[in-house]
Amino acid sequence: MTKEKQLVDLLLARTRAGTTSWEPTAEEDEFVTSVGGNSIWIRTVEPRNASDNEPDVVLNVRDGDGRQVFSLYNGEGIADLDFQTMRALHEAARRSALKIDQIMEAILKDLRGGQ
């Protein structure tokens, strides 16, 4: 398994488990998390192929000085990393950054009469 695949898989698992949290950035549909003094940014962009119905996903890793050290675009060029996994990570980061699960729990609690 490539290091890139391991990175995406671990981020996805930790985000879903709630042990890695993401924050929204000033850019729409872009989220960031910090790991060991480095930052990981994930966002959607317009698809390169106009016939695609879903946006493309870009993941950037920046070092502690803010320099971009590598980037993944839809998982392309990485033999064992696919678009669906990249898309799942973006969705998990979005849910974390926007606190969707907490908001849903609060709404459900209110709808149940505060129970």
N, C-alpha and C. Protein backbone atom coordinates (compact mmCIF):
# COMPACT_ATOMS: atom_id res chain seq x y z
N MET A 1 0.85 -1.18 0.00
CA MET A 1 0.00 0.00 0.00
C MET A 1 0.89 1.24 0.00
N THR A 2 0.57 2.18 -0.90
CA THR A 2 1.38 3.40 -0.98
C THR A 2 1.18 4.28 0.25
N LYS A 3 2.13 5.15 0.49
CA LYS A 3 2.01 6.09 1.62
C LYS A 3 0.82 7.03 1.42
N GLU A 4 0.57 7.41 0.18
CA GLU A 4 -0.56 8.28 -0.11
C GLU A 4 -1.88 7.59 0.25
N LYS A 5 -2.01 6.34 -0.13
CA LYS A 5 -3.22 5.56 0.20
C LYS A 5 -3.35 5.42 1.71
N GLN A 6 -2.24 5.12 2.39
CA GLN A 6 -2.28 5.01 3.85
C GLN A 6 -2.73 6.32 4.48
N LEU A 7 -2.20 7.44 3.99
CA LEU A 7 -2.56 8.75 4.51
C LEU A 7 -4.06 8.99 4.38
N VAL A 8 -4.59 8.79 3.19
CA VAL A 8 -6.02 9.04 2.95
C VAL A 8 -6.87 8.09 3.78
N ASP A 9 -6.51 6.81 3.82
CA ASP A 9 -7.28 5.84 4.59
C ASP A 9 -7.28 6.16 6.09
N LEU A 10 -6.11 6.53 6.63
CA LEU A 10 -6.04 6.86 8.06
C LEU A 10 -6.80 8.15 8.37
N LEU A 11 -6.69 9.14 7.51
CA LEU A 11 -7.45 10.37 7.71
C LEU A 11 -8.95 10.09 7.68
N LEU A 12 -9.38 9.27 6.75
CA LEU A 12 -10.79 8.93 6.64
C LEU A 12 -11.27 8.19 7.89
N ALA A 13 -10.53 7.20 8.32
CA ALA A 13 -10.92 6.42 9.50
C ALA A 13 -10.94 7.30 10.75
N ARG A 14 -9.91 8.12 10.94
CA ARG A 14 -9.84 8.98 12.14
C ARG A 14 -10.91 10.07 12.11
N THR A 15 -11.22 10.57 10.93
CA THR A 15 -12.27 11.59 10.82
C THR A 15 -13.62 10.98 11.15
N ARG A 16 -13.89 9.82 10.60
CA ARG A 16 -15.16 9.14 10.89
C ARG A 16 -15.27 8.77 12.37
N ALA A 17 -14.15 8.44 13.00
CA ALA A 17 -14.14 8.08 14.43
C ALA A 17 -14.20 9.32 15.33
N GLY A 18 -13.99 10.49 14.76
CA GLY A 18 -14.02 11.72 15.54
C GLY A 18 -12.71 12.08 16.21
N THR A 19 -11.64 11.39 15.86
CA THR A 19 -10.35 11.67 16.48
C THR A 19 -9.51 12.65 15.66
N THR A 20 -9.91 12.92 14.44
CA THR A 20 -9.32 13.99 13.63
C THR A 20 -10.44 14.94 13.28
N SER A 21 -10.23 16.22 13.60
CA SER A 21 -11.27 17.20 13.29
C SER A 21 -10.76 18.16 12.22
N TRP A 22 -11.69 18.68 11.46
CA TRP A 22 -11.40 19.59 10.35
C TRP A 22 -12.06 20.92 10.63
N GLU A 23 -11.55 21.95 10.00
CA GLU A 23 -12.10 23.30 10.10
C GLU A 23 -12.36 23.84 8.69
N PRO A 24 -13.41 24.64 8.54
CA PRO A 24 -13.61 25.27 7.23
C PRO A 24 -12.55 26.35 7.00
N THR A 25 -12.25 26.63 5.75
CA THR A 25 -11.35 27.71 5.38
C THR A 25 -12.18 28.85 4.78
N ALA A 26 -11.53 29.88 4.33
CA ALA A 26 -12.23 31.00 3.69
C ALA A 26 -12.78 30.61 2.32
N GLU A 27 -12.25 29.54 1.75
CA GLU A 27 -12.70 29.07 0.45
C GLU A 27 -13.91 28.14 0.62
N GLU A 28 -14.88 28.28 -0.26
CA GLU A 28 -16.06 27.43 -0.19
C GLU A 28 -15.68 25.98 -0.47
N ASP A 29 -16.20 25.08 0.35
CA ASP A 29 -16.03 23.63 0.20
C ASP A 29 -14.57 23.19 0.35
N GLU A 30 -13.79 23.94 1.15
CA GLU A 30 -12.41 23.59 1.45
C GLU A 30 -12.27 23.48 2.97
N PHE A 31 -11.54 22.45 3.41
CA PHE A 31 -11.40 22.17 4.83
C PHE A 31 -9.96 21.84 5.14
N VAL A 32 -9.54 22.10 6.40
CA VAL A 32 -8.15 21.92 6.78
C VAL A 32 -8.07 21.23 8.14
N THR A 33 -7.04 20.41 8.31
CA THR A 33 -6.72 19.81 9.59
C THR A 33 -5.21 19.87 9.77
N SER A 34 -4.76 19.83 11.03
CA SER A 34 -3.33 19.84 11.32
C SER A 34 -2.92 18.49 11.87
N VAL A 35 -1.77 18.03 11.41
CA VAL A 35 -1.21 16.76 11.88
C VAL A 35 0.29 16.93 12.03
N GLY A 36 0.78 16.84 13.26
CA GLY A 36 2.21 16.89 13.51
C GLY A 36 2.91 18.12 12.98
N GLY A 37 2.29 19.29 13.08
CA GLY A 37 2.92 20.52 12.61
C GLY A 37 2.74 20.76 11.12
N ASN A 38 2.11 19.85 10.42
CA ASN A 38 1.81 20.00 9.00
C ASN A 38 0.31 20.21 8.86
N SER A 39 -0.12 20.70 7.71
CA SER A 39 -1.55 20.88 7.49
C SER A 39 -1.98 20.14 6.23
N ILE A 40 -3.21 19.67 6.28
CA ILE A 40 -3.79 18.93 5.16
C ILE A 40 -5.06 19.66 4.76
N TRP A 41 -5.14 20.00 3.51
CA TRP A 41 -6.25 20.75 2.95
C TRP A 41 -6.96 19.88 1.94
N ILE A 42 -8.28 19.89 1.96
CA ILE A 42 -9.04 19.14 0.96
C ILE A 42 -10.17 20.01 0.46
N ARG A 43 -10.39 19.96 -0.85
CA ARG A 43 -11.43 20.80 -1.45
C ARG A 43 -11.95 20.14 -2.72
N THR A 44 -13.09 20.64 -3.16
CA THR A 44 -13.60 20.21 -4.45
C THR A 44 -13.35 21.32 -5.46
N VAL A 45 -13.19 20.91 -6.71
CA VAL A 45 -13.00 21.85 -7.81
C VAL A 45 -13.88 21.40 -8.97
N GLU A 46 -14.09 22.30 -9.90
CA GLU A 46 -14.86 21.95 -11.09
C GLU A 46 -14.22 20.74 -11.78
N PRO A 47 -15.04 19.80 -12.24
CA PRO A 47 -14.45 18.63 -12.90
C PRO A 47 -13.74 19.02 -14.19
N ARG A 48 -12.63 18.35 -14.43
CA ARG A 48 -11.89 18.61 -15.68
C ARG A 48 -12.68 18.13 -16.88
N ASN A 49 -13.43 17.04 -16.68
CA ASN A 49 -14.26 16.49 -17.74
C ASN A 49 -15.67 17.07 -17.59
N ALA A 50 -16.09 17.85 -18.55
CA ALA A 50 -17.38 18.56 -18.47
C ALA A 50 -18.57 17.61 -18.33
N SER A 51 -18.42 16.37 -18.74
CA SER A 51 -19.54 15.42 -18.66
C SER A 51 -19.66 14.77 -17.27
N ASP A 52 -18.69 15.00 -16.39
CA ASP A 52 -18.77 14.45 -15.04
C ASP A 52 -19.83 15.19 -14.24
N ASN A 53 -20.58 14.44 -13.44
CA ASN A 53 -21.61 15.03 -12.61
C ASN A 53 -21.09 15.45 -11.25
N GLU A 54 -19.96 14.91 -10.83
CA GLU A 54 -19.42 15.22 -9.51
C GLU A 54 -18.16 16.07 -9.65
N PRO A 55 -17.92 16.95 -8.67
CA PRO A 55 -16.69 17.74 -8.72
C PRO A 55 -15.47 16.86 -8.44
N ASP A 56 -14.32 17.32 -8.88
CA ASP A 56 -13.07 16.64 -8.58
C ASP A 56 -12.64 16.99 -7.16
N VAL A 57 -11.75 16.18 -6.59
CA VAL A 57 -11.28 16.39 -5.22
C VAL A 57 -9.77 16.56 -5.23
N VAL A 58 -9.30 17.61 -4.54
CA VAL A 58 -7.87 17.91 -4.44
C VAL A 58 -7.48 17.90 -2.97
N LEU A 59 -6.41 17.18 -2.65
CA LEU A 59 -5.86 17.16 -1.30
C LEU A 59 -4.44 17.71 -1.38
N ASN A 60 -4.14 18.71 -0.54
CA ASN A 60 -2.80 19.30 -0.49
C ASN A 60 -2.22 19.12 0.90
N VAL A 61 -0.95 18.79 0.96
CA VAL A 61 -0.24 18.70 2.23
C VAL A 61 0.80 19.81 2.25
N ARG A 62 0.77 20.58 3.34
CA ARG A 62 1.71 21.69 3.51
C ARG A 62 2.54 21.45 4.76
N ASP A 63 3.81 21.83 4.69
CA ASP A 63 4.68 21.67 5.86
C ASP A 63 4.43 22.79 6.85
N GLY A 64 5.17 22.79 7.94
CA GLY A 64 4.99 23.77 9.00
C GLY A 64 5.24 25.20 8.57
N ASP A 65 5.92 25.41 7.46
CA ASP A 65 6.18 26.74 6.93
C ASP A 65 5.14 27.16 5.88
N GLY A 66 4.14 26.29 5.67
CA GLY A 66 3.08 26.60 4.71
C GLY A 66 3.40 26.24 3.27
N ARG A 67 4.55 25.61 3.05
CA ARG A 67 4.92 25.20 1.68
C ARG A 67 4.14 23.95 1.30
N GLN A 68 3.59 23.93 0.11
CA GLN A 68 2.91 22.73 -0.37
C GLN A 68 3.98 21.69 -0.71
N VAL A 69 3.90 20.53 -0.05
CA VAL A 69 4.91 19.50 -0.28
C VAL A 69 4.42 18.41 -1.24
N PHE A 70 3.11 18.19 -1.28
CA PHE A 70 2.56 17.35 -2.35
C PHE A 70 1.06 17.53 -2.43
N SER A 71 0.52 17.05 -3.55
CA SER A 71 -0.89 17.21 -3.84
C SER A 71 -1.42 15.94 -4.49
N LEU A 72 -2.66 15.62 -4.17
CA LEU A 72 -3.34 14.50 -4.82
C LEU A 72 -4.58 15.04 -5.52
N TYR A 73 -4.75 14.68 -6.77
CA TYR A 73 -5.90 15.13 -7.55
C TYR A 73 -6.73 13.91 -7.90
N ASN A 74 -7.87 13.74 -7.23
CA ASN A 74 -8.75 12.58 -7.46
C ASN A 74 -8.06 11.24 -7.22
N GLY A 75 -6.89 11.24 -6.61
CA GLY A 75 -6.16 10.00 -6.41
C GLY A 75 -5.43 9.53 -7.66
N GLU A 76 -5.43 10.36 -8.70
CA GLU A 76 -4.79 9.99 -9.96
C GLU A 76 -3.30 9.79 -9.79
N GLY A 77 -2.77 8.82 -10.48
CA GLY A 77 -1.34 8.55 -10.45
C GLY A 77 -0.91 7.69 -9.28
N ILE A 78 -1.84 7.37 -8.39
CA ILE A 78 -1.55 6.50 -7.25
C ILE A 78 -2.31 5.21 -7.49
N ALA A 79 -1.58 4.15 -7.72
CA ALA A 79 -2.17 2.89 -8.18
C ALA A 79 -3.31 2.39 -7.28
N ASP A 80 -3.18 2.52 -5.97
CA ASP A 80 -4.18 1.93 -5.08
C ASP A 80 -5.12 2.96 -4.44
N LEU A 81 -5.16 4.18 -4.98
CA LEU A 81 -6.03 5.22 -4.44
C LEU A 81 -7.02 5.63 -5.51
N ASP A 82 -8.32 5.63 -5.16
CA ASP A 82 -9.33 5.93 -6.16
C ASP A 82 -10.14 7.17 -5.80
N PHE A 83 -10.90 7.65 -6.77
CA PHE A 83 -11.71 8.85 -6.60
C PHE A 83 -12.73 8.69 -5.48
N GLN A 84 -13.36 7.52 -5.38
CA GLN A 84 -14.40 7.33 -4.37
C GLN A 84 -13.85 7.50 -2.95
N THR A 85 -12.63 7.05 -2.72
CA THR A 85 -12.03 7.21 -1.39
C THR A 85 -11.72 8.68 -1.13
N MET A 86 -11.23 9.37 -2.14
CA MET A 86 -10.97 10.81 -2.01
C MET A 86 -12.28 11.56 -1.74
N ARG A 87 -13.32 11.18 -2.45
CA ARG A 87 -14.63 11.82 -2.27
C ARG A 87 -15.17 11.56 -0.85
N ALA A 88 -14.99 10.32 -0.37
CA ALA A 88 -15.44 9.96 0.98
C ALA A 88 -14.69 10.78 2.04
N LEU A 89 -13.39 10.99 1.83
CA LEU A 89 -12.62 11.80 2.78
C LEU A 89 -13.11 13.24 2.76
N HIS A 90 -13.36 13.79 1.59
CA HIS A 90 -13.87 15.16 1.52
C HIS A 90 -15.21 15.27 2.25
N GLU A 91 -16.09 14.32 2.05
CA GLU A 91 -17.40 14.36 2.72
C GLU A 91 -17.25 14.24 4.23
N ALA A 92 -16.37 13.36 4.69
CA ALA A 92 -16.14 13.22 6.13
C ALA A 92 -15.55 14.51 6.71
N ALA A 93 -14.62 15.14 5.99
CA ALA A 93 -14.03 16.41 6.43
C ALA A 93 -15.09 17.50 6.49
N ARG A 94 -15.97 17.53 5.51
CA ARG A 94 -17.06 18.51 5.47
C ARG A 94 -17.99 18.34 6.67
N ARG A 95 -18.36 17.10 6.95
CA ARG A 95 -19.25 16.82 8.09
C ARG A 95 -18.58 17.23 9.40
N SER A 96 -17.29 16.98 9.51
CA SER A 96 -16.56 17.36 10.71
C SER A 96 -16.46 18.88 10.85
N ALA A 97 -16.06 19.55 9.80
CA ALA A 97 -15.85 21.00 9.84
C ALA A 97 -17.14 21.77 10.10
N LEU A 98 -18.22 21.31 9.50
CA LEU A 98 -19.49 22.01 9.65
C LEU A 98 -20.31 21.47 10.83
N LYS A 99 -19.73 20.51 11.54
CA LYS A 99 -20.36 19.93 12.74
C LYS A 99 -21.77 19.41 12.45
N ILE A 100 -21.90 18.76 11.33
CA ILE A 100 -23.20 18.28 10.87
C ILE A 100 -23.81 17.27 11.84
N ASP A 101 -23.03 16.33 12.34
CA ASP A 101 -23.58 15.32 13.24
C ASP A 101 -24.08 15.94 14.54
N GLN A 102 -23.36 16.91 15.09
CA GLN A 102 -23.80 17.59 16.31
C GLN A 102 -25.08 18.37 16.07
N ILE A 103 -25.17 19.04 14.94
CA ILE A 103 -26.37 19.80 14.60
C ILE A 103 -27.56 18.86 14.45
N MET A 104 -27.35 17.75 13.76
CA MET A 104 -28.44 16.77 13.59
C MET A 104 -28.90 16.23 14.94
N GLU A 105 -27.96 15.92 15.82
CA GLU A 105 -28.33 15.42 17.15
C GLU A 105 -29.15 16.45 17.91
N ALA A 106 -28.77 17.72 17.86
CA ALA A 106 -29.51 18.77 18.54
C ALA A 106 -30.92 18.91 17.97
N ILE A 107 -31.04 18.85 16.66
CA ILE A 107 -32.36 18.94 16.03
C ILE A 107 -33.23 17.76 16.42
N LEU A 108 -32.66 16.56 16.36
CA LEU A 108 -33.42 15.37 16.72
C LEU A 108 -33.85 15.41 18.18
N LYS A 109 -32.97 15.89 19.04
CA LYS A 109 -33.31 16.00 20.47
C LYS A 109 -34.49 16.95 20.65
N ASP A 110 -34.45 18.10 19.99
CA ASP A 110 -35.55 19.06 20.08
C ASP A 110 -36.85 18.48 19.53
N LEU A 111 -36.76 17.77 18.41
CA LEU A 111 -37.95 17.18 17.82
C LEU A 111 -38.56 16.09 18.71
N ARG A 112 -37.73 15.45 19.49
CA ARG A 112 -38.21 14.41 20.40
C ARG A 112 -38.70 14.99 21.72
N GLY A 113 -38.71 16.28 21.82
CA GLY A 113 -39.19 16.93 23.02
C GLY A 113 -38.13 17.10 24.09
N GLY A 114 -36.90 17.24 23.70
CA GLY A 114 -35.82 17.50 24.64
C GLY A 114 -35.30 16.27 25.35
N GLN A 115 -35.67 15.11 24.90
CA GLN A 115 -35.23 13.87 25.56
C GLN A 115 -33.83 13.47 25.14
